[in-house]
C-alpha atoms as a PDB file:
ATOM      1  CA  UNK A   1       0.000   0.000   0.000  1.00  0.00           C
ATOM      2  CA  UNK A   2       1.432   3.385  -0.937  1.00  0.00           C
ATOM      3  CA  UNK A   3       1.673   6.115   1.678  1.00  0.00           C
ATOM      4  CA  UNK A   4      -0.567   9.127   1.131  1.00  0.00           C
ATOM      5  CA  UNK A   5       1.121  12.128   2.695  1.00  0.00           C
ATOM      6  CA  UNK A   6      -0.582  15.331   3.730  1.00  0.00           C
ATOM      7  CA  UNK A   7       2.009  18.040   4.321  1.00  0.00           C
ATOM      8  CA  UNK A   8       0.948  20.820   6.711  1.00  0.00           C
ATOM      9  CA  UNK A   9       2.752  24.141   6.908  1.00  0.00           C
ATOM     10  CA  UNK A  10       6.347  23.877   8.070  1.00  0.00           C
ATOM     11  CA  UNK A  11       8.687  20.923   8.211  1.00  0.00           C
ATOM     12  CA  UNK A  12       6.360  18.115   9.198  1.00  0.00           C
ATOM     13  CA  UNK A  13       4.544  15.167   7.683  1.00  0.00           C
ATOM     14  CA  UNK A  14       1.152  13.740   8.598  1.00  0.00           C
ATOM     15  CA  UNK A  15      -0.487  10.563   7.399  1.00  0.00           C
ATOM     16  CA  UNK A  16      -4.003   9.284   8.147  1.00  0.00           C
ATOM     17  CA  UNK A  17      -4.861   5.598   7.795  1.00  0.00           C
ATOM     18  CA  UNK A  18      -8.218   3.894   8.361  1.00  0.00           C
ATOM     19  CA  UNK A  19      -7.481   0.694  10.264  1.00  0.00           C
ATOM     20  CA  UNK A  20      -8.310  -1.026  13.575  1.00  0.00           C
ATOM     21  CA  UNK A  21     -11.845   0.367  13.443  1.00  0.00           C
ATOM     22  CA  UNK A  22     -10.540   3.923  13.738  1.00  0.00           C
ATOM     23  CA  UNK A  23      -8.238   6.415  12.010  1.00  0.00           C
ATOM     24  CA  UNK A  24      -4.565   6.250  12.934  1.00  0.00           C
ATOM     25  CA  UNK A  25      -2.606   9.488  12.516  1.00  0.00           C
ATOM     26  CA  UNK A  26       1.153   9.628  12.150  1.00  0.00           C
ATOM     27  CA  UNK A  27       2.556  13.100  12.825  1.00  0.00           C
ATOM     28  CA  UNK A  28       6.287  13.473  12.188  1.00  0.00           C
ATOM     29  CA  UNK A  29       7.858  16.800  13.186  1.00  0.00           C
ATOM     30  CA  UNK A  30      11.176  18.494  12.433  1.00  0.00           C
ATOM     31  CA  UNK A  31      12.010  20.905  15.289  1.00  0.00           C
ATOM     32  CA  UNK A  32      15.760  20.561  14.701  1.00  0.00           C
ATOM     33  CA  UNK A  33      15.765  20.921  10.920  1.00  0.00           C
ATOM     34  CA  UNK A  34      17.041  17.367  10.414  1.00  0.00           C
ATOM     35  CA  UNK A  35      14.073  15.666   8.743  1.00  0.00           C
ATOM     36  CA  UNK A  36      15.370  13.270   6.060  1.00  0.00           C
ATOM     37  CA  UNK A  37      14.479  13.555   2.398  1.00  0.00           C
ATOM     38  CA  UNK A  38      10.915  13.205   1.219  1.00  0.00           C
ATOM     39  CA  UNK A  39      11.691   9.799  -0.257  1.00  0.00           C
ATOM     40  CA  UNK A  40      13.042   8.523   3.072  1.00  0.00           C
ATOM     41  CA  UNK A  41      10.005   9.852   4.905  1.00  0.00           C
ATOM     42  CA  UNK A  42       7.627   8.232   2.427  1.00  0.00           C
ATOM     43  CA  UNK A  43       9.437   4.891   2.801  1.00  0.00           C
ATOM     44  CA  UNK A  44       9.190   5.072   6.605  1.00  0.00           C
ATOM     45  CA  UNK A  45       5.509   5.986   6.527  1.00  0.00           C
ATOM     46  CA  UNK A  46       4.811   3.176   4.044  1.00  0.00           C
ATOM     47  CA  UNK A  47       6.554   0.727   6.392  1.00  0.00           C
ATOM     48  CA  UNK A  48       4.426   1.998   9.288  1.00  0.00           C
ATOM     49  CA  UNK A  49       1.271   1.534   7.215  1.00  0.00           C
ATOM     50  CA  UNK A  50       2.274  -2.044   6.415  1.00  0.00           C
ATOM     51  CA  UNK A  51       2.799  -2.610  10.135  1.00  0.00           C
ATOM     52  CA  UNK A  52      -0.702  -1.281  10.900  1.00  0.00           C
ATOM     53  CA  UNK A  53      -2.322  -3.735   8.514  1.00  0.00           C
ATOM     54  CA  UNK A  54      -0.115  -6.587   9.704  1.00  0.00           C
ATOM     55  CA  UNK A  55      -1.363  -5.954  13.256  1.00  0.00           C
ATOM     56  CA  UNK A  56      -4.927  -5.978  11.938  1.00  0.00           C
ATOM     57  CA  UNK A  57      -4.344  -9.287  10.157  1.00  0.00           C
ATOM     58  CA  UNK A  58      -3.078 -10.863  13.394  1.00  0.00           C
ATOM     59  CA  UNK A  59      -5.385  -9.356  16.016  1.00  0.00           C
ATOM     60  CA  UNK A  60      -8.681  -8.383  14.400  1.00  0.00           C
ATOM     61  CA  UNK A  61     -11.636 -10.271  15.867  1.00  0.00           C
ATOM     62  CA  UNK A  62     -13.583  -9.368  12.713  1.00  0.00           C
ATOM     63  CA  UNK A  63     -11.238 -11.302  10.422  1.00  0.00           C
ATOM     64  CA  UNK A  64     -11.943 -15.026  10.432  1.00  0.00           C
ATOM     65  CA  UNK A  65      -8.376 -15.787   9.330  1.00  0.00           C
ATOM     66  CA  UNK A  66      -6.624 -13.748  12.060  1.00  0.00           C
ATOM     67  CA  UNK A  67      -4.547 -15.510  14.683  1.00  0.00           C
ATOM     68  CA  UNK A  68      -6.815 -14.129  17.413  1.00  0.00           C
ATOM     69  CA  UNK A  69      -9.913 -15.515  15.690  1.00  0.00           C
ATOM     70  CA  UNK A  70      -8.237 -18.907  15.386  1.00  0.00           C
ATOM     71  CA  UNK A  71      -7.546 -18.875  19.130  1.00  0.00           C
ATOM     72  CA  UNK A  72     -11.116 -17.807  19.862  1.00  0.00           C
ATOM     73  CA  UNK A  73     -12.458 -20.727  17.804  1.00  0.00           C
ATOM     74  CA  UNK A  74     -10.064 -23.168  19.425  1.00  0.00           C
ATOM     75  CA  UNK A  75      -8.252 -23.849  16.142  1.00  0.00           C
ATOM     76  CA  UNK A  76      -4.924 -22.634  17.575  1.00  0.00           C
ATOM     77  CA  UNK A  77      -4.144 -23.757  21.149  1.00  0.00           C
ATOM     78  CA  UNK A  78      -2.348 -21.038  23.086  1.00  0.00           C
ATOM     79  CA  UNK A  79       0.100 -23.575  24.477  1.00  0.00           C
ATOM     80  CA  UNK A  80       1.170 -24.530  20.955  1.00  0.00           C
ATOM     81  CA  UNK A  81       2.016 -21.038  19.673  1.00  0.00           C
ATOM     82  CA  UNK A  82       5.255 -21.077  17.674  1.00  0.00           C
ATOM     83  CA  UNK A  83       7.815 -18.540  18.948  1.00  0.00           C
ATOM     84  CA  UNK A  84       9.548 -18.729  15.566  1.00  0.00           C
ATOM     85  CA  UNK A  85       6.471 -17.486  13.718  1.00  0.00           C
ATOM     86  CA  UNK A  86       6.316 -13.659  13.890  1.00  0.00           C
ATOM     87  CA  UNK A  87       2.507 -13.615  14.008  1.00  0.00           C
ATOM     88  CA  UNK A  88       2.212 -16.261  16.690  1.00  0.00           C
ATOM     89  CA  UNK A  89       5.104 -14.749  18.640  1.00  0.00           C
ATOM     90  CA  UNK A  90       3.342 -11.361  18.655  1.00  0.00           C
ATOM     91  CA  UNK A  91       0.127 -13.011  19.822  1.00  0.00           C
ATOM     92  CA  UNK A  92       1.991 -14.793  22.612  1.00  0.00           C
ATOM     93  CA  UNK A  93       3.521 -11.480  23.720  1.00  0.00           C
ATOM     94  CA  UNK A  94       0.104  -9.811  23.825  1.00  0.00           C
ATOM     95  CA  UNK A  95      -1.399 -12.715  25.785  1.00  0.00           C
ATOM     96  CA  UNK A  96       1.381 -12.427  28.371  1.00  0.00           C
ATOM     97  CA  UNK A  97       0.786  -8.689  28.610  1.00  0.00           C
ATOM     98  CA  UNK A  98      -2.929  -9.340  29.104  1.00  0.00           C
ATOM     99  CA  UNK A  99      -2.158 -11.642  32.025  1.00  0.00           C
ATOM    100  CA  UNK A 100       0.036  -8.910  33.545  1.00  0.00           C
ATOM    101  CA  UNK A 101      -2.725  -6.312  33.151  1.00  0.00           C
ATOM    102  CA  UNK A 102      -5.274  -8.748  34.611  1.00  0.00           C
ATOM    103  CA  UNK A 103      -3.091  -9.216  37.683  1.00  0.00           C
ATOM    104  CA  UNK A 104      -2.245  -5.510  38.124  1.00  0.00           C
ATOM    105  CA  UNK A 105      -5.895  -4.457  37.895  1.00  0.00           C
ATOM    106  CA  UNK A 106      -7.017  -7.213  40.279  1.00  0.00           C
ATOM    107  CA  UNK A 107      -9.144  -8.775  37.548  1.00  0.00           C
ATOM    108  CA  UNK A 108     -10.872  -5.627  36.286  1.00  0.00           C
ATOM    109  CA  UNK A 109      -9.138  -6.032  32.919  1.00  0.00           C
ATOM    110  CA  UNK A 110     -10.230  -9.467  31.754  1.00  0.00           C
ATOM    111  CA  UNK A 111     -10.101 -10.166  27.999  1.00  0.00           C
ATOM    112  CA  UNK A 112     -11.050 -13.787  28.677  1.00  0.00           C
ATOM    113  CA  UNK A 113     -14.524 -12.779  29.907  1.00  0.00           C
ATOM    114  CA  UNK A 114     -15.581 -11.279  26.564  1.00  0.00           C
ATOM    115  CA  UNK A 115     -18.435 -12.958  24.697  1.00  0.00           C
ATOM    116  CA  UNK A 116     -16.998 -15.178  21.978  1.00  0.00           C
ATOM    117  CA  UNK A 117     -13.731 -15.854  23.767  1.00  0.00           C
ATOM    118  CA  UNK A 118     -10.389 -14.147  24.321  1.00  0.00           C
ATOM    119  CA  UNK A 119     -10.385 -10.587  22.958  1.00  0.00           C
ATOM    120  CA  UNK A 120      -7.263  -8.457  23.587  1.00  0.00           C
ATOM    121  CA  UNK A 121      -8.709  -5.373  21.856  1.00  0.00           C
ATOM    122  CA  UNK A 122      -8.556  -3.414  25.127  1.00  0.00           C
ATOM    123  CA  UNK A 123      -4.766  -3.683  25.082  1.00  0.00           C
ATOM    124  CA  UNK A 124      -3.694  -4.186  21.463  1.00  0.00           C
ATOM    125  CA  UNK A 125      -4.299  -0.673  20.147  1.00  0.00           C
ATOM    126  CA  UNK A 126      -1.990   0.929  22.714  1.00  0.00           C
ATOM    127  CA  UNK A 127       0.571  -1.846  22.233  1.00  0.00           C
ATOM    128  CA  UNK A 128       0.468  -1.317  18.466  1.00  0.00           C
ATOM    129  CA  UNK A 129       0.694   2.481  18.708  1.00  0.00           C
ATOM    130  CA  UNK A 130       3.888   2.091  20.714  1.00  0.00           C
ATOM    131  CA  UNK A 131       5.260  -0.373  18.140  1.00  0.00           C
ATOM    132  CA  UNK A 132       4.627   2.160  15.383  1.00  0.00           C
ATOM    133  CA  UNK A 133       6.350   4.941  17.312  1.00  0.00           C
ATOM    134  CA  UNK A 134       9.357   2.722  17.991  1.00  0.00           C
ATOM    135  CA  UNK A 135       9.469   1.654  14.334  1.00  0.00           C
ATOM    136  CA  UNK A 136       9.665   5.283  13.217  1.00  0.00           C
ATOM    137  CA  UNK A 137      12.333   6.134  15.805  1.00  0.00           C
ATOM    138  CA  UNK A 138      14.476   3.232  14.573  1.00  0.00           C
ATOM    139  CA  UNK A 139      13.991   4.586  11.034  1.00  0.00           C
ATOM    140  CA  UNK A 140      15.584   7.858  12.166  1.00  0.00           C
ATOM    141  CA  UNK A 141      12.643  10.047  13.185  1.00  0.00           C
ATOM    142  CA  UNK A 142      13.060  11.367  16.722  1.00  0.00           C
ATOM    143  CA  UNK A 143      10.063  13.713  16.978  1.00  0.00           C
ATOM    144  CA  UNK A 144       6.635  12.258  16.316  1.00  0.00           C
ATOM    145  CA  UNK A 145       3.276  11.186  17.616  1.00  0.00           C
ATOM    146  CA  UNK A 146       1.041   8.251  16.777  1.00  0.00           C
ATOM    147  CA  UNK A 147      -2.652   8.746  17.560  1.00  0.00           C
ATOM    148  CA  UNK A 148      -4.687   5.556  17.285  1.00  0.00           C
ATOM    149  CA  UNK A 149      -8.155   6.839  18.120  1.00  0.00           C
ATOM    150  CA  UNK A 150      -7.403   7.746  21.742  1.00  0.00           C
ATOM    151  CA  UNK A 151      -4.176   5.829  22.298  1.00  0.00           C
ATOM    152  CA  UNK A 152      -1.310   8.276  21.691  1.00  0.00           C
ATOM    153  CA  UNK A 153       2.435   7.630  21.618  1.00  0.00           C
ATOM    154  CA  UNK A 154       4.739  10.655  21.667  1.00  0.00           C
ATOM    155  CA  UNK A 155       8.465  10.907  21.096  1.00  0.00           C
ATOM    156  CA  UNK A 156      10.777  13.912  21.193  1.00  0.00           C
ATOM    157  CA  UNK A 157       9.306  17.378  20.627  1.00  0.00           C
ATOM    158  CA  UNK A 158       6.383  18.830  18.713  1.00  0.00           C
ATOM    159  CA  UNK A 159       8.312  21.997  17.826  1.00  0.00           C
ATOM    160  CA  UNK A 160      11.470  23.894  18.765  1.00  0.00           C
ATOM    161  CA  UNK A 161      11.830  23.605  22.554  1.00  0.00           C
ATOM    162  CA  UNK A 162       8.153  22.579  22.690  1.00  0.00           C
ATOM    163  CA  UNK A 163       7.034  19.274  24.204  1.00  0.00           C
ATOM    164  CA  UNK A 164       4.024  17.354  22.981  1.00  0.00           C
ATOM    165  CA  UNK A 165       0.853  18.441  24.773  1.00  0.00           C
ATOM    166  CA  UNK A 166      -2.066  16.027  24.545  1.00  0.00           C
ATOM    167  CA  UNK A 167      -5.598  17.232  25.213  1.00  0.00           C
ATOM    168  CA  UNK A 168      -8.063  14.858  26.870  1.00  0.00           C
ATOM    169  CA  UNK A 169     -11.536  15.224  25.419  1.00  0.00           C
ATOM    170  CA  UNK A 170     -14.421  15.876  27.754  1.00  0.00           C
ATOM    171  CA  UNK A 171     -16.675  12.776  27.780  1.00  0.00           C
ATOM    172  CA  UNK A 172     -19.870  14.819  27.514  1.00  0.00           C
ATOM    173  CA  UNK A 173     -18.787  17.735  25.318  1.00  0.00           C
ATOM    174  CA  UNK A 174     -16.615  16.501  22.472  1.00  0.00           C
ATOM    175  CA  UNK A 175     -15.448  19.996  21.518  1.00  0.00           C
ATOM    176  CA  UNK A 176     -14.120  20.657  25.022  1.00  0.00           C
ATOM    177  CA  UNK A 177     -10.793  19.616  26.522  1.00  0.00           C
ATOM    178  CA  UNK A 178     -11.073  18.320  30.072  1.00  0.00           C
ATOM    179  CA  UNK A 179      -7.327  18.258  30.794  1.00  0.00           C
ATOM    180  CA  UNK A 180      -3.942  18.579  29.085  1.00  0.00           C
ATOM    181  CA  UNK A 181      -0.943  16.317  29.732  1.00  0.00           C
ATOM    182  CA  UNK A 182       2.716  16.373  28.675  1.00  0.00           C
ATOM    183  CA  UNK A 183       3.707  12.687  28.327  1.00  0.00           C
ATOM    184  CA  UNK A 184       7.293  13.147  27.102  1.00  0.00           C
ATOM    185  CA  UNK A 185       8.493   9.915  25.493  1.00  0.00           C
ATOM    186  CA  UNK A 186       5.444   8.042  26.689  1.00  0.00           C
ATOM    187  CA  UNK A 187       1.865   6.945  26.125  1.00  0.00           C
ATOM    188  CA  UNK A 188      -1.565   8.421  26.730  1.00  0.00           C
ATOM    189  CA  UNK A 189      -4.532   6.034  26.575  1.00  0.00           C
ATOM    190  CA  UNK A 190      -8.175   7.011  27.013  1.00  0.00           C
ATOM    191  CA  UNK A 191     -11.293   4.864  27.355  1.00  0.00           C
ATOM    192  CA  UNK A 192     -14.776   6.359  27.516  1.00  0.00           C
ATOM    193  CA  UNK A 193     -18.182   6.840  25.974  1.00  0.00           C
ATOM    194  CA  UNK A 194     -17.392   9.310  23.220  1.00  0.00           C
ATOM    195  CA  UNK A 195     -18.910   8.807  19.787  1.00  0.00           C
ATOM    196  CA  UNK A 196     -19.566   5.064  19.900  1.00  0.00           C
ATOM    197  CA  UNK A 197     -20.801   4.754  23.450  1.00  0.00           C
ATOM    198  CA  UNK A 198     -19.534   2.307  26.056  1.00  0.00           C
ATOM    199  CA  UNK A 199     -18.240  -0.898  24.513  1.00  0.00           C
ATOM    200  CA  UNK A 200     -16.374  -1.999  27.643  1.00  0.00           C
ATOM    201  CA  UNK A 201     -18.175  -4.427  29.929  1.00  0.00           C
ATOM    202  CA  UNK A 202     -17.662  -5.302  33.585  1.00  0.00           C
ATOM    203  CA  UNK A 203     -16.257  -8.862  33.697  1.00  0.00           C
ATOM    204  CA  UNK A 204     -18.121  -9.577  36.953  1.00  0.00           C
ATOM    205  CA  UNK A 205     -21.595  -8.492  35.857  1.00  0.00           C
ATOM    206  CA  UNK A 206     -21.510  -8.424  32.061  1.00  0.00           C
ATOM    207  CA  UNK A 207     -23.078  -4.956  32.183  1.00  0.00           C
ATOM    208  CA  UNK A 208     -21.639  -1.903  30.431  1.00  0.00           C
ATOM    209  CA  UNK A 209     -18.778  -0.286  32.344  1.00  0.00           C
ATOM    210  CA  UNK A 210     -20.175   2.280  34.785  1.00  0.00           C
ATOM    211  CA  UNK A 211     -17.301   3.171  37.102  1.00  0.00           C
ATOM    212  CA  UNK A 212     -16.384   6.294  35.159  1.00  0.00           C
ATOM    213  CA  UNK A 213     -17.434   8.358  32.143  1.00  0.00           C
ATOM    214  CA  UNK A 214     -13.861   8.394  30.897  1.00  0.00           C
ATOM    215  CA  UNK A 215     -10.459   7.291  32.102  1.00  0.00           C
ATOM    216  CA  UNK A 216      -7.089   8.454  30.788  1.00  0.00           C
ATOM    217  CA  UNK A 217      -3.794   6.840  31.743  1.00  0.00           C
ATOM    218  CA  UNK A 218      -0.311   8.271  31.149  1.00  0.00           C
ATOM    219  CA  UNK A 219       2.741   6.043  31.384  1.00  0.00           C
ATOM    220  CA  UNK A 220       5.676   4.354  29.657  1.00  0.00           C
ATOM    221  CA  UNK A 221       3.992   1.256  28.205  1.00  0.00           C
ATOM    222  CA  UNK A 222       1.337   1.502  25.488  1.00  0.00           C
ATOM    223  CA  UNK A 223      -0.365  -1.838  25.966  1.00  0.00           C
ATOM    224  CA  UNK A 224      -0.566  -1.526  29.735  1.00  0.00           C
ATOM    225  CA  UNK A 225      -1.764   2.080  29.489  1.00  0.00           C
ATOM    226  CA  UNK A 226      -4.594   0.946  27.212  1.00  0.00           C
ATOM    227  CA  UNK A 227      -5.547  -1.887  29.566  1.00  0.00           C
ATOM    228  CA  UNK A 228      -5.385   0.311  32.677  1.00  0.00           C
ATOM    229  CA  UNK A 229      -7.672   2.926  31.136  1.00  0.00           C
ATOM    230  CA  UNK A 230     -10.127   0.161  30.247  1.00  0.00           C
ATOM    231  CA  UNK A 231     -10.013  -1.175  33.810  1.00  0.00           C
ATOM    232  CA  UNK A 232     -10.502   2.260  35.393  1.00  0.00           C
ATOM    233  CA  UNK A 233     -13.562   2.791  33.208  1.00  0.00           C
ATOM    234  CA  UNK A 234     -14.991  -0.304  34.928  1.00  0.00           C
ATOM    235  CA  UNK A 235     -13.853   0.289  38.506  1.00  0.00           C
ATOM    236  CA  UNK A 236     -13.829   4.091  38.774  1.00  0.00           C
ATOM    237  CA  UNK A 237     -12.675   5.259  42.191  1.00  0.00           C
ATOM    238  CA  UNK A 238     -12.562   1.666  43.442  1.00  0.00           C
ATOM    239  CA  UNK A 239      -9.532   1.161  41.212  1.00  0.00           C
ATOM    240  CA  UNK A 240      -7.572   4.029  42.738  1.00  0.00           C
ATOM    241  CA  UNK A 241      -5.979   1.650  45.225  1.00  0.00           C
ATOM    242  CA  UNK A 242      -4.322  -0.693  42.767  1.00  0.00           C
ATOM    243  CA  UNK A 243      -3.512   2.157  40.383  1.00  0.00           C
ATOM    244  CA  UNK A 244      -1.813   4.222  43.085  1.00  0.00           C
ATOM    245  CA  UNK A 245       0.598   1.331  43.672  1.00  0.00           C
ATOM    246  CA  UNK A 246       2.053   1.733  40.149  1.00  0.00           C
ATOM    247  CA  UNK A 247       5.106   4.037  40.364  1.00  0.00           C
ATOM    248  CA  UNK A 248       5.498   6.502  37.518  1.00  0.00           C
ATOM    249  CA  UNK A 249       1.933   6.139  36.220  1.00  0.00           C
ATOM    250  CA  UNK A 250      -0.769   8.833  36.186  1.00  0.00           C
ATOM    251  CA  UNK A 251      -4.524   8.859  35.643  1.00  0.00           C
ATOM    252  CA  UNK A 252      -7.283  11.393  35.003  1.00  0.00           C
ATOM    253  CA  UNK A 253     -10.743   9.919  35.597  1.00  0.00           C
ATOM    254  CA  UNK A 254     -14.153  11.562  35.157  1.00  0.00           C
ATOM    255  CA  UNK A 255     -16.755  10.236  37.585  1.00  0.00           C
ATOM    256  CA  UNK A 256     -20.040   8.678  36.426  1.00  0.00           C
ATOM    257  CA  UNK A 257     -23.304  10.588  36.336  1.00  0.00           C
ATOM    258  CA  UNK A 258     -24.831  12.338  38.164  1.00  0.00           C
ATOM    259  CA  UNK A 259     -21.567  13.614  39.662  1.00  0.00           C
ATOM    260  CA  UNK A 260     -19.774  16.266  37.624  1.00  0.00           C
ATOM    261  CA  UNK A 261     -16.389  15.600  39.207  1.00  0.00           C
ATOM    262  CA  UNK A 262     -13.033  14.083  38.315  1.00  0.00           C
ATOM    263  CA  UNK A 263      -9.925  12.869  40.111  1.00  0.00           C
ATOM    264  CA  UNK A 264      -6.237  12.446  39.364  1.00  0.00           C
ATOM    265  CA  UNK A 265      -3.328  10.285  40.477  1.00  0.00           C
ATOM    266  CA  UNK A 266       0.352  10.476  39.648  1.00  0.00           C
ATOM    267  CA  UNK A 267       3.250  12.716  38.638  1.00  0.00           C
ATOM    268  CA  UNK A 268       1.667  13.976  35.402  1.00  0.00           C
ATOM    269  CA  UNK A 269      -0.712  15.968  37.596  1.00  0.00           C
ATOM    270  CA  UNK A 270       1.681  16.791  40.394  1.00  0.00           C
ATOM    271  CA  UNK A 271       0.270  14.227  42.778  1.00  0.00           C
END
């Protein structure tokens, strides 16, 4: 697939790709005046696009031939995954990360409780966004962001002496920003109602998540950030205990109706 580049004003490159049930935006910046040639940028973006669709081929629950769908049907036993196969190795890594998130969140994140079988969608998008960011850094691009529909990886700077600032959308008023964070070389993951409503369900009750209207997590690991935001959407304030035990992580959580309140934990908010 060829990369379609949209060049905004200044030395930067943006690319939008419809994949993973959302639109993924790559935003490569040039605050130091060292952006490689257009051909090199196009090659790197094309490689990132191929990676996006590779992830979709492995992890989409809507594709009958994906590795995840084969596991869900029982056609591919988890214990028999081949570490030498890149697709199966990636799936094994994600499964291990899901077990870690399940343990850290005291069971609130539980991709094994989803109807139809194991579904790592609540972790994969953040994990994949981080992979894309790392892929572009290895290709020689130090200043960039990857926005995968709410899961954002940032690296370097957005402009000369200017860090990336990520706005967190208000769950009730989509044109309003509820908070702004500066993640540095890190991840921001948000789960909430937004345009498609609540698709996260409480593993204990099966009901739609009701612990919070939205939950944003800031930290160093994309997959775990995604999973933690999913879990906080389920637990709300009840999850503050296990979250507060994670050094270096931060959260911004908007309480459920009828309360019009929010709460924060962690260094990103000075607490």
